Amino acid sequence: MKKVLIVDDDKDVVTSLKAILSSKGYDVYEAYSGKEGLDAFKTNNPDIVLLDLMMEQVDTGITVCKQIRNISDKVKIYMLSAVGDEAASTINVAEAGFNGAISKPISPDELLRLME
């Protein structure tokens, strides 16, 4: 089964996504900051990363995405952004290193489609 890393500073988002994925048999790892996310990536070598664009700390999703891309170009990285997030609308997702973008809140069906 695929390994998924969720990096988001909103614990409710992480808990919700983890519950959906775990119920379908995915191995799910969680992190609540960019630094934790990078450390968790190096430790767990996930197949897919769900990465929040805007976190409370200085490190942003784009910075973490680029750091992960320096380690692996094979992992799928999806940007998570809140609906109406102005920063997300100005980003070229592919140029930033993401495989795609997902708006929060995420429907379980949409989430599971990404895992395929």
C-alpha atoms as a PDB file:
ATOM      1  CA  MET A   1       0.000   0.000   0.000  1.00  0.00           C
ATOM      2  CA  LYS A   2       1.148   3.534  -0.699  1.00  0.00           C
ATOM      3  CA  LYS A   3       2.669   5.744   1.967  1.00  0.00           C
ATOM      4  CA  VAL A   4       1.249   9.265   2.295  1.00  0.00           C
ATOM      5  CA  LEU A   5       2.706  12.217   4.189  1.00  0.00           C
ATOM      6  CA  ILE A   6       0.332  15.019   5.209  1.00  0.00           C
ATOM      7  CA  VAL A   7       1.980  18.339   6.097  1.00  0.00           C
ATOM      8  CA  ASP A   8      -0.395  20.994   7.428  1.00  0.00           C
ATOM      9  CA  ASP A   9      -0.341  23.255  10.480  1.00  0.00           C
ATOM     10  CA  ASP A  10      -4.092  22.720  10.964  1.00  0.00           C
ATOM     11  CA  LYS A  11      -4.448  19.603  13.114  1.00  0.00           C
ATOM     12  CA  ASP A  12      -8.116  19.193  12.156  1.00  0.00           C
ATOM     13  CA  VAL A  13      -7.181  18.972   8.470  1.00  0.00           C
ATOM     14  CA  VAL A  14      -4.466  16.415   9.184  1.00  0.00           C
ATOM     15  CA  THR A  15      -6.773  14.333  11.394  1.00  0.00           C
ATOM     16  CA  SER A  16      -9.545  14.355   8.802  1.00  0.00           C
ATOM     17  CA  LEU A  17      -7.315  13.412   5.866  1.00  0.00           C
ATOM     18  CA  LYS A  18      -5.527  10.765   7.912  1.00  0.00           C
ATOM     19  CA  ALA A  19      -8.834   9.155   8.946  1.00  0.00           C
ATOM     20  CA  ILE A  20      -9.997   8.903   5.326  1.00  0.00           C
ATOM     21  CA  LEU A  21      -6.720   7.489   4.027  1.00  0.00           C
ATOM     22  CA  SER A  22      -6.097   5.125   6.936  1.00  0.00           C
ATOM     23  CA  SER A  23      -9.579   3.644   6.526  1.00  0.00           C
ATOM     24  CA  LYS A  24      -8.595   2.706   2.952  1.00  0.00           C
ATOM     25  CA  GLY A  25      -5.374   1.023   4.043  1.00  0.00           C
ATOM     26  CA  TYR A  26      -2.830   3.756   3.314  1.00  0.00           C
ATOM     27  CA  ASP A  27       0.169   4.187   5.603  1.00  0.00           C
ATOM     28  CA  VAL A  28      -0.182   7.803   6.707  1.00  0.00           C
ATOM     29  CA  TYR A  29       2.450  10.009   8.304  1.00  0.00           C
ATOM     30  CA  GLU A  30       1.770  13.467   9.635  1.00  0.00           C
ATOM     31  CA  ALA A  31       3.701  16.681  10.176  1.00  0.00           C
ATOM     32  CA  TYR A  32       2.606  20.107  11.371  1.00  0.00           C
ATOM     33  CA  SER A  33       5.347  22.361   9.999  1.00  0.00           C
ATOM     34  CA  GLY A  34       7.652  22.507   7.038  1.00  0.00           C
ATOM     35  CA  LYS A  35      10.630  21.321   9.087  1.00  0.00           C
ATOM     36  CA  GLU A  36       8.658  18.385  10.516  1.00  0.00           C
ATOM     37  CA  GLY A  37       7.430  17.589   7.011  1.00  0.00           C
ATOM     38  CA  LEU A  38      10.918  17.516   5.549  1.00  0.00           C
ATOM     39  CA  ASP A  39      12.178  15.349   8.415  1.00  0.00           C
ATOM     40  CA  ALA A  40       9.191  12.991   8.022  1.00  0.00           C
ATOM     41  CA  PHE A  41       9.832  12.787   4.284  1.00  0.00           C
ATOM     42  CA  LYS A  42      13.464  11.810   4.800  1.00  0.00           C
ATOM     43  CA  THR A  43      12.539   9.231   7.455  1.00  0.00           C
ATOM     44  CA  ASN A  44       9.503   7.612   5.804  1.00  0.00           C
ATOM     45  CA  ASN A  45      10.099   8.003   2.049  1.00  0.00           C
ATOM     46  CA  PRO A  46       6.400   8.422   1.153  1.00  0.00           C
ATOM     47  CA  ASP A  47       4.929   7.930  -2.314  1.00  0.00           C
ATOM     48  CA  ILE A  48       2.629  10.962  -2.034  1.00  0.00           C
ATOM     49  CA  VAL A  49       2.891  14.229  -0.087  1.00  0.00           C
ATOM     50  CA  LEU A  50      -0.099  16.453   0.661  1.00  0.00           C
ATOM     51  CA  LEU A  51       1.516  19.796   1.478  1.00  0.00           C
ATOM     52  CA  ASP A  52      -0.197  22.900   2.800  1.00  0.00           C
ATOM     53  CA  LEU A  53       0.775  26.011   0.863  1.00  0.00           C
ATOM     54  CA  MET A  54       0.556  28.488   3.748  1.00  0.00           C
ATOM     55  CA  MET A  55       1.715  27.464   7.191  1.00  0.00           C
ATOM     56  CA  GLU A  56       2.015  29.668  10.246  1.00  0.00           C
ATOM     57  CA  GLN A  57       5.777  29.345  10.437  1.00  0.00           C
ATOM     58  CA  VAL A  58       8.147  31.094   8.066  1.00  0.00           C
ATOM     59  CA  ASP A  59       8.575  28.020   5.894  1.00  0.00           C
ATOM     60  CA  THR A  60       5.982  27.798   3.159  1.00  0.00           C
ATOM     61  CA  GLY A  61       4.767  24.881   1.123  1.00  0.00           C
ATOM     62  CA  ILE A  62       6.752  26.059  -1.895  1.00  0.00           C
ATOM     63  CA  THR A  63      10.024  26.021   0.049  1.00  0.00           C
ATOM     64  CA  VAL A  64       9.345  22.538   1.396  1.00  0.00           C
ATOM     65  CA  CYS A  65       8.252  21.309  -2.037  1.00  0.00           C
ATOM     66  CA  LYS A  66      11.541  22.457  -3.556  1.00  0.00           C
ATOM     67  CA  GLN A  67      13.520  20.812  -0.757  1.00  0.00           C
ATOM     68  CA  ILE A  68      11.660  17.529  -1.301  1.00  0.00           C
ATOM     69  CA  ARG A  69      12.222  17.800  -5.063  1.00  0.00           C
ATOM     70  CA  ASN A  70      15.962  18.096  -4.392  1.00  0.00           C
ATOM     71  CA  ILE A  71      15.731  14.684  -2.704  1.00  0.00           C
ATOM     72  CA  SER A  72      13.282  12.957  -5.067  1.00  0.00           C
ATOM     73  CA  ASP A  73      11.709  13.804  -8.383  1.00  0.00           C
ATOM     74  CA  LYS A  74       9.548  10.671  -8.307  1.00  0.00           C
ATOM     75  CA  VAL A  75       7.293  11.477  -5.320  1.00  0.00           C
ATOM     76  CA  LYS A  76       3.909  13.024  -6.094  1.00  0.00           C
ATOM     77  CA  ILE A  77       3.395  16.303  -4.231  1.00  0.00           C
ATOM     78  CA  TYR A  78      -0.014  17.977  -4.093  1.00  0.00           C
ATOM     79  CA  MET A  79      -0.445  21.526  -2.857  1.00  0.00           C
ATOM     80  CA  LEU A  80      -3.237  22.051  -0.342  1.00  0.00           C
ATOM     81  CA  SER A  81      -4.738  25.519  -0.199  1.00  0.00           C
ATOM     82  CA  ALA A  82      -7.784  27.045   1.394  1.00  0.00           C
ATOM     83  CA  VAL A  83     -10.548  28.157  -0.924  1.00  0.00           C
ATOM     84  CA  GLY A  84      -9.944  31.808  -1.697  1.00  0.00           C
ATOM     85  CA  ASP A  85      -6.254  31.601  -0.830  1.00  0.00           C
ATOM     86  CA  GLU A  86      -4.852  34.505  -2.846  1.00  0.00           C
ATOM     87  CA  ALA A  87      -1.309  33.126  -2.823  1.00  0.00           C
ATOM     88  CA  ALA A  88      -2.458  29.889  -4.441  1.00  0.00           C
ATOM     89  CA  SER A  89      -4.034  31.719  -7.357  1.00  0.00           C
ATOM     90  CA  THR A  90      -0.726  33.415  -8.228  1.00  0.00           C
ATOM     91  CA  ILE A  91       1.396  30.237  -8.226  1.00  0.00           C
ATOM     92  CA  ASN A  92       2.282  28.193 -11.256  1.00  0.00           C
ATOM     93  CA  VAL A  93       1.772  24.810  -9.619  1.00  0.00           C
ATOM     94  CA  ALA A  94       4.049  22.850 -11.962  1.00  0.00           C
ATOM     95  CA  GLU A  95       6.862  25.430 -11.873  1.00  0.00           C
ATOM     96  CA  ALA A  96       6.782  25.324  -8.078  1.00  0.00           C
ATOM     97  CA  GLY A  97       7.330  21.554  -8.245  1.00  0.00           C
ATOM     98  CA  PHE A  98       3.844  20.337  -7.372  1.00  0.00           C
ATOM     99  CA  ASN A  99       2.018  17.624  -9.323  1.00  0.00           C
ATOM    100  CA  GLY A 100      -1.300  19.358  -8.723  1.00  0.00           C
ATOM    101  CA  ALA A 101      -3.349  21.464  -6.350  1.00  0.00           C
ATOM    102  CA  ILE A 102      -6.307  20.673  -4.128  1.00  0.00           C
ATOM    103  CA  SER A 103      -8.630  23.161  -2.477  1.00  0.00           C
ATOM    104  CA  LYS A 104      -9.594  22.740   1.170  1.00  0.00           C
ATOM    105  CA  PRO A 105     -11.967  21.469   2.334  1.00  0.00           C
ATOM    106  CA  ILE A 106     -11.251  18.292   0.391  1.00  0.00           C
ATOM    107  CA  SER A 107     -13.965  15.801  -0.406  1.00  0.00           C
ATOM    108  CA  PRO A 108     -13.115  12.166   0.417  1.00  0.00           C
ATOM    109  CA  ASP A 109     -13.811  11.157  -3.202  1.00  0.00           C
ATOM    110  CA  GLU A 110     -11.437  13.798  -4.576  1.00  0.00           C
ATOM    111  CA  LEU A 111      -8.758  12.772  -2.091  1.00  0.00           C
ATOM    112  CA  LEU A 112      -9.003   9.087  -2.999  1.00  0.00           C
ATOM    113  CA  ARG A 113      -8.845   9.869  -6.739  1.00  0.00           C
ATOM    114  CA  LEU A 114      -5.465  11.522  -6.177  1.00  0.00           C
ATOM    115  CA  MET A 115      -4.144   8.400  -4.508  1.00  0.00           C
ATOM    116  CA  GLU A 116      -4.623   6.266  -7.637  1.00  0.00           C
END
